[in-house]
Amino acid sequence: VSKRHCTITTHAASSAAHGVPAAPSVVFEDCSSYGSTVSGRKV
């Protein structure tokens, strides 16, 4: 694992019915020397 291998950026959830939040967008960024795999995809 690299010293700073990757980042995950989350965004604010929006309210759905009865105030329960719906899934917001989230972004993965690879910052490593050898890469990462996301659900079988090389990043």
PDB file of all heavy atoms in Angstrom:
ATOM      1  N   VAL A   1       0.855  -1.185   0.000  1.00  0.00           N
ATOM      2  CA  VAL A   1       0.000   0.000   0.000  1.00  0.00           C
ATOM      3  C   VAL A   1       0.890   1.233   0.000  1.00  0.00           C
ATOM      4  O   VAL A   1       1.815   1.351   0.817  1.00  0.00           O
ATOM      5  CB  VAL A   1      -0.924   0.004   1.231  1.00  0.00           C
ATOM      6  CG1 VAL A   1      -1.724   1.299   1.294  1.00  0.00           C
ATOM      7  CG2 VAL A   1      -1.862  -1.192   1.190  1.00  0.00           C
ATOM      8  N   SER A   2       0.647   2.167  -0.909  1.00  0.00           N
ATOM      9  CA  SER A   2       1.441   3.394  -0.980  1.00  0.00           C
ATOM     10  C   SER A   2       1.175   4.271   0.238  1.00  0.00           C
ATOM     11  O   SER A   2       0.162   4.121   0.927  1.00  0.00           O
ATOM     12  CB  SER A   2       1.102   4.162  -2.252  1.00  0.00           C
ATOM     13  OG  SER A   2       1.420   3.411  -3.405  1.00  0.00           O
ATOM     14  N   LYS A   3       2.089   5.206   0.501  1.00  0.00           N
ATOM     15  CA  LYS A   3       1.914   6.108   1.643  1.00  0.00           C
ATOM     16  C   LYS A   3       0.581   6.835   1.551  1.00  0.00           C
ATOM     17  O   LYS A   3      -0.122   6.990   2.539  1.00  0.00           O
ATOM     18  CB  LYS A   3       3.071   7.103   1.703  1.00  0.00           C
ATOM     19  CG  LYS A   3       4.400   6.475   2.086  1.00  0.00           C
ATOM     20  CD  LYS A   3       5.487   7.529   2.188  1.00  0.00           C
ATOM     21  CE  LYS A   3       6.817   6.893   2.603  1.00  0.00           C
ATOM     22  NZ  LYS A   3       7.897   7.912   2.709  1.00  0.00           N
ATOM     23  N   ARG A   4       0.261   7.326   0.372  1.00  0.00           N
ATOM     24  CA  ARG A   4      -1.066   7.901   0.099  1.00  0.00           C
ATOM     25  C   ARG A   4      -1.600   7.142  -1.111  1.00  0.00           C
ATOM     26  O   ARG A   4      -1.360   7.513  -2.250  1.00  0.00           O
ATOM     27  CB  ARG A   4      -0.970   9.394  -0.172  1.00  0.00           C
ATOM     28  CG  ARG A   4      -2.301  10.077  -0.461  1.00  0.00           C
ATOM     29  CD  ARG A   4      -2.079  11.534  -0.838  1.00  0.00           C
ATOM     30  NE  ARG A   4      -3.258  12.148  -1.403  1.00  0.00           N
ATOM     31  CZ  ARG A   4      -4.155  12.851  -0.724  1.00  0.00           C
ATOM     32  NH1 ARG A   4      -3.984  13.018   0.563  1.00  0.00           N
ATOM     33  NH2 ARG A   4      -5.185  13.395  -1.325  1.00  0.00           N
ATOM     34  N   HIS A   5      -2.309   6.070  -0.849  1.00  0.00           N
ATOM     35  CA  HIS A   5      -2.666   5.150  -1.927  1.00  0.00           C
ATOM     36  C   HIS A   5      -3.863   5.632  -2.749  1.00  0.00           C
ATOM     37  O   HIS A   5      -3.842   5.594  -3.980  1.00  0.00           O
ATOM     38  CB  HIS A   5      -2.980   3.765  -1.353  1.00  0.00           C
ATOM     39  CG  HIS A   5      -2.998   2.691  -2.394  1.00  0.00           C
ATOM     40  ND1 HIS A   5      -1.921   1.864  -2.638  1.00  0.00           N
ATOM     41  CD2 HIS A   5      -3.967   2.320  -3.271  1.00  0.00           C
ATOM     42  CE1 HIS A   5      -2.216   1.033  -3.626  1.00  0.00           C
ATOM     43  NE2 HIS A   5      -3.456   1.282  -4.021  1.00  0.00           N
ATOM     44  N   CYS A   6      -4.906   6.092  -2.073  1.00  0.00           N
ATOM     45  CA  CYS A   6      -6.102   6.498  -2.806  1.00  0.00           C
ATOM     46  C   CYS A   6      -6.955   7.415  -1.933  1.00  0.00           C
ATOM     47  O   CYS A   6      -6.684   7.603  -0.741  1.00  0.00           O
ATOM     48  CB  CYS A   6      -6.917   5.269  -3.237  1.00  0.00           C
ATOM     49  SG  CYS A   6      -7.500   4.254  -1.858  1.00  0.00           S
ATOM     50  N   THR A   7      -7.975   7.993  -2.544  1.00  0.00           N
ATOM     51  CA  THR A   7      -8.923   8.826  -1.805  1.00  0.00           C
ATOM     52  C   THR A   7     -10.344   8.423  -2.179  1.00  0.00           C
ATOM     53  O   THR A   7     -10.598   7.914  -3.274  1.00  0.00           O
ATOM     54  CB  THR A   7      -8.740  10.319  -2.110  1.00  0.00           C
ATOM     55  OG1 THR A   7      -9.054  10.574  -3.489  1.00  0.00           O
ATOM     56  CG2 THR A   7      -7.308  10.759  -1.829  1.00  0.00           C
ATOM     57  N   ILE A   8     -11.250   8.650  -1.249  1.00  0.00           N
ATOM     58  CA  ILE A   8     -12.679   8.476  -1.500  1.00  0.00           C
ATOM     59  C   ILE A   8     -13.359   9.784  -1.132  1.00  0.00           C
ATOM     60  O   ILE A   8     -13.255  10.244   0.011  1.00  0.00           O
ATOM     61  CB  ILE A   8     -13.270   7.314  -0.683  1.00  0.00           C
ATOM     62  CG1 ILE A   8     -12.649   5.988  -1.129  1.00  0.00           C
ATOM     63  CG2 ILE A   8     -14.783   7.263  -0.831  1.00  0.00           C
ATOM     64  CD1 ILE A   8     -13.123   4.786  -0.319  1.00  0.00           C
ATOM     65  N   THR A   9     -14.017  10.397  -2.092  1.00  0.00           N
ATOM     66  CA  THR A   9     -14.695  11.670  -1.858  1.00  0.00           C
ATOM     67  C   THR A   9     -16.195  11.439  -1.809  1.00  0.00           C
ATOM     68  O   THR A   9     -16.790  10.947  -2.771  1.00  0.00           O
ATOM     69  CB  THR A   9     -14.361  12.691  -2.963  1.00  0.00           C
ATOM     70  OG1 THR A   9     -12.942  12.911  -2.985  1.00  0.00           O
ATOM     71  CG2 THR A   9     -15.075  14.014  -2.715  1.00  0.00           C
ATOM     72  N   THR A  10     -16.791  11.772  -0.666  1.00  0.00           N
ATOM     73  CA  THR A  10     -18.235  11.632  -0.505  1.00  0.00           C
ATOM     74  C   THR A  10     -18.905  12.995  -0.668  1.00  0.00           C
ATOM     75  O   THR A  10     -18.299  14.037  -0.418  1.00  0.00           O
ATOM     76  CB  THR A  10     -18.586  11.063   0.884  1.00  0.00           C
ATOM     77  OG1 THR A  10     -18.106  11.966   1.885  1.00  0.00           O
ATOM     78  CG2 THR A  10     -17.941   9.707   1.083  1.00  0.00           C
ATOM     79  N   HIS A  11     -20.155  12.981  -1.080  1.00  0.00           N
ATOM     80  CA  HIS A  11     -20.944  14.198  -1.220  1.00  0.00           C
ATOM     81  C   HIS A  11     -22.151  14.122  -0.294  1.00  0.00           C
ATOM     82  O   HIS A  11     -22.520  13.053   0.185  1.00  0.00           O
ATOM     83  CB  HIS A  11     -21.383  14.387  -2.673  1.00  0.00           C
ATOM     84  CG  HIS A  11     -20.235  14.615  -3.607  1.00  0.00           C
ATOM     85  ND1 HIS A  11     -19.482  13.568  -4.107  1.00  0.00           N
ATOM     86  CD2 HIS A  11     -19.683  15.750  -4.109  1.00  0.00           C
ATOM     87  CE1 HIS A  11     -18.529  14.051  -4.899  1.00  0.00           C
ATOM     88  NE2 HIS A  11     -18.627  15.374  -4.900  1.00  0.00           N
ATOM     89  N   ALA A  12     -22.756  15.258  -0.045  1.00  0.00           N
ATOM     90  CA  ALA A  12     -23.874  15.316   0.899  1.00  0.00           C
ATOM     91  C   ALA A  12     -25.050  14.510   0.382  1.00  0.00           C
ATOM     92  O   ALA A  12     -25.399  14.562  -0.797  1.00  0.00           O
ATOM     93  CB  ALA A  12     -24.280  16.765   1.137  1.00  0.00           C
ATOM     94  N   ALA A  13     -25.659  13.760   1.289  1.00  0.00           N
ATOM     95  CA  ALA A  13     -26.839  12.971   0.943  1.00  0.00           C
ATOM     96  C   ALA A  13     -28.060  13.885   0.895  1.00  0.00           C
ATOM     97  O   ALA A  13     -28.193  14.817   1.685  1.00  0.00           O
ATOM     98  CB  ALA A  13     -27.051  11.866   1.970  1.00  0.00           C
ATOM     99  N   SER A  14     -28.950  13.606  -0.035  1.00  0.00           N
ATOM    100  CA  SER A  14     -30.193  14.361  -0.133  1.00  0.00           C
ATOM    101  C   SER A  14     -31.297  13.605   0.590  1.00  0.00           C
ATOM    102  O   SER A  14     -31.295  12.376   0.632  1.00  0.00           O
ATOM    103  CB  SER A  14     -30.582  14.571  -1.595  1.00  0.00           C
ATOM    104  OG  SER A  14     -30.720  13.328  -2.255  1.00  0.00           O
ATOM    105  N   SER A  15     -32.235  14.332   1.161  1.00  0.00           N
ATOM    106  CA  SER A  15     -33.309  13.698   1.913  1.00  0.00           C
ATOM    107  C   SER A  15     -34.318  13.054   0.987  1.00  0.00           C
ATOM    108  O   SER A  15     -34.668  13.597  -0.057  1.00  0.00           O
ATOM    109  CB  SER A  15     -34.011  14.722   2.797  1.00  0.00           C
ATOM    110  OG  SER A  15     -33.129  15.201   3.785  1.00  0.00           O
ATOM    111  N   ALA A  16     -34.770  11.884   1.382  1.00  0.00           N
ATOM    112  CA  ALA A  16     -35.811  11.179   0.631  1.00  0.00           C
ATOM    113  C   ALA A  16     -37.066  11.157   1.495  1.00  0.00           C
ATOM    114  O   ALA A  16     -37.229  11.960   2.407  1.00  0.00           O
ATOM    115  CB  ALA A  16     -35.354   9.760   0.285  1.00  0.00           C
ATOM    116  N   ALA A  17     -37.957  10.234   1.231  1.00  0.00           N
ATOM    117  CA  ALA A  17     -39.203  10.142   1.986  1.00  0.00           C
ATOM    118  C   ALA A  17     -38.916   9.945   3.464  1.00  0.00           C
ATOM    119  O   ALA A  17     -38.010   9.209   3.849  1.00  0.00           O
ATOM    120  CB  ALA A  17     -40.045   8.988   1.457  1.00  0.00           C
ATOM    121  N   HIS A  18     -39.665  10.635   4.307  1.00  0.00           N
ATOM    122  CA  HIS A  18     -39.570  10.539   5.765  1.00  0.00           C
ATOM    123  C   HIS A  18     -38.197  10.976   6.273  1.00  0.00           C
ATOM    124  O   HIS A  18     -37.816  10.642   7.382  1.00  0.00           O
ATOM    125  CB  HIS A  18     -39.854   9.114   6.244  1.00  0.00           C
ATOM    126  CG  HIS A  18     -41.178   8.586   5.783  1.00  0.00           C
ATOM    127  ND1 HIS A  18     -42.373   9.041   6.288  1.00  0.00           N
ATOM    128  CD2 HIS A  18     -41.502   7.662   4.848  1.00  0.00           C
ATOM    129  CE1 HIS A  18     -43.368   8.409   5.697  1.00  0.00           C
ATOM    130  NE2 HIS A  18     -42.878   7.571   4.818  1.00  0.00           N
ATOM    131  N   GLY A  19     -37.450  11.736   5.455  1.00  0.00           N
ATOM    132  CA  GLY A  19     -36.171  12.251   5.903  1.00  0.00           C
ATOM    133  C   GLY A  19     -35.019  11.280   5.826  1.00  0.00           C
ATOM    134  O   GLY A  19     -33.897  11.619   6.174  1.00  0.00           O
ATOM    135  N   VAL A  20     -35.242  10.057   5.398  1.00  0.00           N
ATOM    136  CA  VAL A  20     -34.163   9.076   5.289  1.00  0.00           C
ATOM    137  C   VAL A  20     -33.323   9.423   4.056  1.00  0.00           C
ATOM    138  O   VAL A  20     -33.854   9.521   2.957  1.00  0.00           O
ATOM    139  CB  VAL A  20     -34.715   7.644   5.169  1.00  0.00           C
ATOM    140  CG1 VAL A  20     -33.579   6.650   5.029  1.00  0.00           C
ATOM    141  CG2 VAL A  20     -35.553   7.313   6.394  1.00  0.00           C
ATOM    142  N   PRO A  21     -32.023   9.650   4.220  1.00  0.00           N
ATOM    143  CA  PRO A  21     -31.208  10.105   3.097  1.00  0.00           C
ATOM    144  C   PRO A  21     -31.040   9.069   1.997  1.00  0.00           C
ATOM    145  O   PRO A  21     -30.886   7.876   2.266  1.00  0.00           O
ATOM    146  CB  PRO A  21     -29.860  10.433   3.749  1.00  0.00           C
ATOM    147  CG  PRO A  21     -29.825   9.607   4.986  1.00  0.00           C
ATOM    148  CD  PRO A  21     -31.238   9.518   5.460  1.00  0.00           C
ATOM    149  N   ALA A  22     -31.081   9.556   0.757  1.00  0.00           N
ATOM    150  CA  ALA A  22     -30.809   8.694  -0.393  1.00  0.00           C
ATOM    151  C   ALA A  22     -29.299   8.654  -0.628  1.00  0.00           C
ATOM    152  O   ALA A  22     -28.561   9.534  -0.192  1.00  0.00           O
ATOM    153  CB  ALA A  22     -31.525   9.239  -1.620  1.00  0.00           C
ATOM    154  N   ALA A  23     -28.831   7.635  -1.317  1.00  0.00           N
ATOM    155  CA  ALA A  23     -27.387   7.463  -1.543  1.00  0.00           C
ATOM    156  C   ALA A  23     -26.836   8.608  -2.386  1.00  0.00           C
ATOM    157  O   ALA A  23     -27.335   8.869  -3.478  1.00  0.00           O
ATOM    158  CB  ALA A  23     -27.120   6.130  -2.223  1.00  0.00           C
ATOM    159  N   PRO A  24     -25.830   9.317  -1.886  1.00  0.00           N
ATOM    160  CA  PRO A  24     -25.201  10.392  -2.660  1.00  0.00           C
ATOM    161  C   PRO A  24     -24.097   9.837  -3.559  1.00  0.00           C
ATOM    162  O   PRO A  24     -23.744   8.658  -3.477  1.00  0.00           O
ATOM    163  CB  PRO A  24     -24.614  11.282  -1.571  1.00  0.00           C
ATOM    164  CG  PRO A  24     -24.216  10.300  -0.510  1.00  0.00           C
ATOM    165  CD  PRO A  24     -25.248   9.193  -0.554  1.00  0.00           C
ATOM    166  N   SER A  25     -23.546  10.696  -4.378  1.00  0.00           N
ATOM    167  CA  SER A  25     -22.451  10.270  -5.246  1.00  0.00           C
ATOM    168  C   SER A  25     -21.163  10.152  -4.434  1.00  0.00           C
ATOM    169  O   SER A  25     -20.976  10.832  -3.422  1.00  0.00           O
ATOM    170  CB  SER A  25     -22.254  11.268  -6.392  1.00  0.00           C
ATOM    171  OG  SER A  25     -21.951  12.558  -5.881  1.00  0.00           O
ATOM    172  N   VAL A  26     -20.290   9.278  -4.892  1.00  0.00           N
ATOM    173  CA  VAL A  26     -18.995   9.081  -4.232  1.00  0.00           C
ATOM    174  C   VAL A  26     -17.971   8.757  -5.316  1.00  0.00           C
ATOM    175  O   VAL A  26     -18.271   8.038  -6.271  1.00  0.00           O
ATOM    176  CB  VAL A  26     -19.078   7.959  -3.164  1.00  0.00           C
ATOM    177  CG1 VAL A  26     -19.530   6.644  -3.784  1.00  0.00           C
ATOM    178  CG2 VAL A  26     -17.753   7.772  -2.464  1.00  0.00           C
ATOM    179  N   VAL A  27     -16.767   9.318  -5.170  1.00  0.00           N
ATOM    180  CA  VAL A  27     -15.740   9.204  -6.214  1.00  0.00           C
ATOM    181  C   VAL A  27     -14.458   8.620  -5.625  1.00  0.00           C
ATOM    182  O   VAL A  27     -14.016   9.026  -4.538  1.00  0.00           O
ATOM    183  CB  VAL A  27     -15.444  10.585  -6.843  1.00  0.00           C
ATOM    184  CG1 VAL A  27     -14.315  10.468  -7.868  1.00  0.00           C
ATOM    185  CG2 VAL A  27     -16.693  11.157  -7.497  1.00  0.00           C
ATOM    186  N   PHE A  28     -13.884   7.669  -6.335  1.00  0.00           N
ATOM    187  CA  PHE A  28     -12.618   7.035  -5.953  1.00  0.00           C
ATOM    188  C   PHE A  28     -11.504   7.580  -6.829  1.00  0.00           C
ATOM    189  O   PHE A  28     -11.671   7.741  -8.047  1.00  0.00           O
ATOM    190  CB  PHE A  28     -12.724   5.517  -6.142  1.00  0.00           C
ATOM    191  CG  PHE A  28     -11.444   4.768  -5.883  1.00  0.00           C
ATOM    192  CD1 PHE A  28     -11.118   4.339  -4.607  1.00  0.00           C
ATOM    193  CD2 PHE A  28     -10.570   4.484  -6.927  1.00  0.00           C
ATOM    194  CE1 PHE A  28      -9.946   3.641  -4.370  1.00  0.00           C
ATOM    195  CE2 PHE A  28      -9.394   3.787  -6.701  1.00  0.00           C
ATOM    196  CZ  PHE A  28      -9.083   3.364  -5.413  1.00  0.00           C
ATOM    197  N   GLU A  29     -10.359   7.882  -6.228  1.00  0.00           N
ATOM    198  CA  GLU A  29      -9.183   8.322  -6.993  1.00  0.00           C
ATOM    199  C   GLU A  29      -7.962   7.531  -6.556  1.00  0.00           C
ATOM    200  O   GLU A  29      -7.652   7.465  -5.361  1.00  0.00           O
ATOM    201  CB  GLU A  29      -8.913   9.815  -6.788  1.00  0.00           C
ATOM    202  CG  GLU A  29      -7.701  10.299  -7.570  1.00  0.00           C
ATOM    203  CD  GLU A  29      -7.407  11.772  -7.407  1.00  0.00           C
ATOM    204  OE1 GLU A  29      -8.088  12.425  -6.582  1.00  0.00           O
ATOM    205  OE2 GLU A  29      -6.496  12.282  -8.092  1.00  0.00           O
ATOM    206  N   ASP A  30      -7.283   6.943  -7.518  1.00  0.00           N
ATOM    207  CA  ASP A  30      -6.057   6.194  -7.227  1.00  0.00           C
ATOM    208  C   ASP A  30      -4.869   7.145  -7.313  1.00  0.00           C
ATOM    209  O   ASP A  30      -4.720   7.891  -8.284  1.00  0.00           O
ATOM    210  CB  ASP A  30      -5.878   5.042  -8.213  1.00  0.00           C
ATOM    211  CG  ASP A  30      -4.591   4.288  -7.965  1.00  0.00           C
ATOM    212  OD1 ASP A  30      -4.560   3.447  -7.060  1.00  0.00           O
ATOM    213  OD2 ASP A  30      -3.599   4.589  -8.667  1.00  0.00           O
ATOM    214  N   CYS A  31      -4.026   7.122  -6.282  1.00  0.00           N
ATOM    215  CA  CYS A  31      -2.833   7.980  -6.247  1.00  0.00           C
ATOM    216  C   CYS A  31      -1.569   7.147  -6.091  1.00  0.00           C
ATOM    217  O   CYS A  31      -0.501   7.676  -5.776  1.00  0.00           O
ATOM    218  CB  CYS A  31      -2.933   8.954  -5.066  1.00  0.00           C
ATOM    219  SG  CYS A  31      -4.496   9.806  -4.873  1.00  0.00           S
ATOM    220  N   SER A  32      -1.660   5.847  -6.300  1.00  0.00           N
ATOM    221  CA  SER A  32      -0.574   4.925  -5.960  1.00  0.00           C
ATOM    222  C   SER A  32       0.387   4.684  -7.116  1.00  0.00           C
ATOM    223  O   SER A  32       0.166   5.115  -8.248  1.00  0.00           O
ATOM    224  CB  SER A  32      -1.166   3.587  -5.516  1.00  0.00           C
ATOM    225  OG  SER A  32      -1.777   2.939  -6.623  1.00  0.00           O
ATOM    226  N   SER A  33       1.440   3.942  -6.810  1.00  0.00           N
ATOM    227  CA  SER A  33       2.436   3.591  -7.829  1.00  0.00           C
ATOM    228  C   SER A  33       1.989   2.429  -8.699  1.00  0.00           C
ATOM    229  O   SER A  33       2.328   2.362  -9.885  1.00  0.00           O
ATOM    230  CB  SER A  33       3.766   3.226  -7.157  1.00  0.00           C
ATOM    231  OG  SER A  33       4.248   4.300  -6.384  1.00  0.00           O
ATOM    232  N   TYR A  34       1.209   1.509  -8.133  1.00  0.00           N
ATOM    233  CA  TYR A  34       0.861   0.286  -8.859  1.00  0.00           C
ATOM    234  C   TYR A  34      -0.617   0.150  -9.176  1.00  0.00           C
ATOM    235  O   TYR A  34      -1.032  -0.808  -9.814  1.00  0.00           O
ATOM    236  CB  TYR A  34       1.342  -0.935  -8.069  1.00  0.00           C
ATOM    237  CG  TYR A  34       2.831  -0.923  -7.825  1.00  0.00           C
ATOM    238  CD1 TYR A  34       3.339  -0.614  -6.568  1.00  0.00           C
ATOM    239  CD2 TYR A  34       3.737  -1.187  -8.848  1.00  0.00           C
ATOM    240  CE1 TYR A  34       4.713  -0.589  -6.329  1.00  0.00           C
ATOM    241  CE2 TYR A  34       5.105  -1.160  -8.623  1.00  0.00           C
ATOM    242  CZ  TYR A  34       5.592  -0.861  -7.369  1.00  0.00           C
ATOM    243  OH  TYR A  34       6.936  -0.826  -7.140  1.00  0.00           O
ATOM    244  N   GLY A  35      -1.420   1.082  -8.719  1.00  0.00           N
ATOM    245  CA  GLY A  35      -2.834   1.056  -9.080  1.00  0.00           C
ATOM    246  C   GLY A  35      -3.708   0.280  -8.106  1.00  0.00           C
ATOM    247  O   GLY A  35      -3.242  -0.352  -7.160  1.00  0.00           O
ATOM    248  N   SER A  36      -4.999   0.329  -8.385  1.00  0.00           N
ATOM    249  CA  SER A  36      -6.012  -0.345  -7.564  1.00  0.00           C
ATOM    250  C   SER A  36      -6.996  -1.038  -8.490  1.00  0.00           C
ATOM    251  O   SER A  36      -6.992  -0.826  -9.706  1.00  0.00           O
ATOM    252  CB  SER A  36      -6.762   0.667  -6.679  1.00  0.00           C
ATOM    253  OG  SER A  36      -5.868   1.454  -5.916  1.00  0.00           O
ATOM    254  N   THR A  37      -7.827  -1.858  -7.906  1.00  0.00           N
ATOM    255  CA  THR A  37      -8.886  -2.532  -8.663  1.00  0.00           C
ATOM    256  C   THR A  37     -10.223  -2.197  -8.021  1.00  0.00           C
ATOM    257  O   THR A  37     -10.386  -2.328  -6.811  1.00  0.00           O
ATOM    258  CB  THR A  37      -8.677  -4.053  -8.676  1.00  0.00           C
ATOM    259  OG1 THR A  37      -7.391  -4.348  -9.243  1.00  0.00           O
ATOM    260  CG2 THR A  37      -9.760  -4.738  -9.511  1.00  0.00           C
ATOM    261  N   VAL A  38     -11.170  -1.754  -8.842  1.00  0.00           N
ATOM    262  CA  VAL A  38     -12.508  -1.414  -8.370  1.00  0.00           C
ATOM    263  C   VAL A  38     -13.503  -2.340  -9.057  1.00  0.00           C
ATOM    264  O   VAL A  38     -13.749  -2.215 -10.259  1.00  0.00           O
ATOM    265  CB  VAL A  38     -12.859   0.058  -8.656  1.00  0.00           C
ATOM    266  CG1 VAL A  38     -14.281   0.370  -8.200  1.00  0.00           C
ATOM    267  CG2 VAL A  38     -11.865   0.987  -7.969  1.00  0.00           C
ATOM    268  N   SER A  39     -14.018  -3.288  -8.296  1.00  0.00           N
ATOM    269  CA  SER A  39     -14.981  -4.270  -8.826  1.00  0.00           C
ATOM    270  C   SER A  39     -14.484  -4.883 -10.143  1.00  0.00           C
ATOM    271  O   SER A  39     -15.212  -4.983 -11.133  1.00  0.00           O
ATOM    272  CB  SER A  39     -16.353  -3.618  -9.017  1.00  0.00           C
ATOM    273  OG  SER A  39     -16.914  -3.277  -7.771  1.00  0.00           O
ATOM    274  N   GLY A  40     -13.203  -5.277 -10.141  1.00  0.00           N
ATOM    275  CA  GLY A  40     -12.627  -5.950 -11.297  1.00  0.00           C
ATOM    276  C   GLY A  40     -12.014  -5.030 -12.337  1.00  0.00           C
ATOM    277  O   GLY A  40     -11.365  -5.504 -13.271  1.00  0.00           O
ATOM    278  N   ARG A  41     -12.183  -3.720 -12.199  1.00  0.00           N
ATOM    279  CA  ARG A  41     -11.625  -2.764 -13.158  1.00  0.00           C
ATOM    280  C   ARG A  41     -10.335  -2.171 -12.615  1.00  0.00           C
ATOM    281  O   ARG A  41     -10.296  -1.729 -11.477  1.00  0.00           O
ATOM    282  CB  ARG A  41     -12.620  -1.635 -13.436  1.00  0.00           C
ATOM    283  CG  ARG A  41     -13.946  -2.072 -14.060  1.00  0.00           C
ATOM    284  CD  ARG A  41     -14.940  -0.928 -13.996  1.00  0.00           C
ATOM    285  NE  ARG A  41     -15.298  -0.620 -12.613  1.00  0.00           N
ATOM    286  CZ  ARG A  41     -15.879   0.511 -12.238  1.00  0.00           C
ATOM    287  NH1 ARG A  41     -16.131   1.457 -13.128  1.00  0.00           N
ATOM    288  NH2 ARG A  41     -16.192   0.698 -10.960  1.00  0.00           N
ATOM    289  N   LYS A  42      -9.305  -2.138 -13.453  1.00  0.00           N
ATOM    290  CA  LYS A  42      -8.029  -1.556 -13.041  1.00  0.00           C
ATOM    291  C   LYS A  42      -8.124  -0.037 -13.085  1.00  0.00           C
ATOM    292  O   LYS A  42      -8.576   0.540 -14.084  1.00  0.00           O
ATOM    293  CB  LYS A  42      -6.911  -2.032 -13.978  1.00  0.00           C
ATOM    294  CG  LYS A  42      -5.520  -1.576 -13.569  1.00  0.00           C
ATOM    295  CD  LYS A  42      -5.035  -2.289 -12.317  1.00  0.00           C
ATOM    296  CE  LYS A  42      -3.577  -1.967 -12.011  1.00  0.00           C
ATOM    297  NZ  LYS A  42      -3.084  -2.657 -10.814  1.00  0.00           N
ATOM    298  N   VAL A  43      -7.722   0.612 -11.998  1.00  0.00           N
ATOM    299  CA  VAL A  43      -7.724   2.071 -11.918  1.00  0.00           C
ATOM    300  C   VAL A  43      -6.329   2.501 -11.463  1.00  0.00           C
ATOM    301  O   VAL A  43      -5.866   2.097 -10.392  1.00  0.00           O
ATOM    302  CB  VAL A  43      -8.785   2.592 -10.928  1.00  0.00           C
ATOM    303  CG1 VAL A  43      -8.744   4.119 -10.863  1.00  0.00           C
ATOM    304  CG2 VAL A  43     -10.171   2.112 -11.315  1.00  0.00           C
TER     305      VAL A  43
END
